[in-house]
């Protein structure tokens, strides 16, 4: 029983680590797409947060909706 609990904990930790890596990759790719959509963006004021655990949620702040839409087209074309 104790081994099973450890295996579950290890699996949960591994899942968390994989999700964190996916989140960072998505955030980096979307920031790059934003820059391509508008090279004049001050990327220091842009916030991009990915949450693959929550239905692939993507939160973007500090950018207008039109630029986000353009970046999403670029982002999706790269997949």
Protein backbone atom coordinates (compact mmCIF):
# COMPACT_ATOMS: atom_id res chain seq x y z
CA UNK A 1 0.00 0.00 0.00
CA UNK A 2 2.85 2.39 0.85
CA UNK A 3 4.53 1.74 -2.52
CA UNK A 4 1.29 2.52 -4.31
CA UNK A 5 1.06 5.88 -2.50
CA UNK A 6 4.64 6.70 -3.47
CA UNK A 7 3.96 5.75 -7.08
CA UNK A 8 0.91 8.03 -7.16
CA UNK A 9 2.91 10.89 -5.64
CA UNK A 10 5.69 10.36 -8.17
CA UNK A 11 3.18 10.25 -11.04
CA UNK A 12 1.55 13.47 -9.81
CA UNK A 13 4.94 15.18 -9.53
CA UNK A 14 5.91 14.04 -13.01
CA UNK A 15 2.58 15.28 -14.42
CA UNK A 16 3.08 18.63 -12.71
CA UNK A 17 6.62 18.93 -14.11
CA UNK A 18 5.46 18.07 -17.64
CA UNK A 19 2.61 20.59 -17.41
CA UNK A 20 5.01 23.28 -16.18
CA UNK A 21 7.32 22.60 -19.12
CA UNK A 22 4.38 22.76 -21.55
CA UNK A 23 3.19 26.00 -19.99
CA UNK A 24 6.63 27.61 -20.38
CA UNK A 25 6.88 26.45 -24.00
CA UNK A 26 3.43 27.81 -24.87
CA UNK A 27 4.18 31.11 -23.12
CA UNK A 28 7.47 31.52 -25.00
CA UNK A 29 5.86 30.68 -28.34
CA UNK A 30 2.96 33.05 -27.76
CA UNK A 31 5.29 35.87 -26.71
CA UNK A 32 7.21 35.31 -29.95
CA UNK A 33 3.94 35.39 -31.92
CA UNK A 34 2.97 38.64 -30.20
CA UNK A 35 6.30 40.16 -31.17
CA UNK A 36 5.79 39.06 -34.78
CA UNK A 37 2.28 40.54 -34.76
CA UNK A 38 3.60 43.87 -33.42
CA UNK A 39 7.38 44.33 -33.23
CA UNK A 40 6.91 47.67 -31.48
CA UNK A 41 5.41 46.00 -28.37
CA UNK A 42 7.18 46.65 -25.11
CA UNK A 43 7.48 43.01 -24.10
CA UNK A 44 8.45 44.03 -20.54
CA UNK A 45 4.84 45.05 -19.94
CA UNK A 46 3.25 41.98 -21.57
CA UNK A 47 2.04 39.13 -19.37
CA UNK A 48 1.40 35.69 -20.85
CA UNK A 49 0.25 32.85 -18.59
CA UNK A 50 -0.54 29.37 -19.84
CA UNK A 51 -2.42 26.75 -17.84
CA UNK A 52 -2.65 23.44 -19.69
CA UNK A 53 -4.27 21.82 -16.66
CA UNK A 54 -7.25 24.16 -16.99
CA UNK A 55 -8.43 23.31 -20.50
CA UNK A 56 -5.36 24.90 -22.12
CA UNK A 57 -6.22 28.32 -20.70
CA UNK A 58 -4.10 31.21 -21.99
CA UNK A 59 -4.17 34.60 -20.26
CA UNK A 60 -2.63 37.63 -21.98
CA UNK A 61 -2.44 41.11 -20.47
CA UNK A 62 -0.84 44.36 -21.56
CA UNK A 63 -1.80 43.91 -25.22
CA UNK A 64 -4.84 45.03 -27.19
CA UNK A 65 -7.31 42.45 -28.46
CA UNK A 66 -6.48 43.02 -32.14
CA UNK A 67 -2.80 42.20 -31.54
CA UNK A 68 -3.76 39.14 -29.51
CA UNK A 69 -5.97 37.94 -32.38
CA UNK A 70 -3.14 38.43 -34.90
CA UNK A 71 -0.71 36.63 -32.59
CA UNK A 72 -3.15 33.73 -32.18
CA UNK A 73 -3.28 33.26 -35.95
CA UNK A 74 0.55 33.17 -36.04
CA UNK A 75 0.69 30.87 -33.00
CA UNK A 76 -1.80 28.39 -34.45
CA UNK A 77 -0.09 28.40 -37.86
CA UNK A 78 3.18 27.27 -36.23
CA UNK A 79 1.67 24.11 -34.73
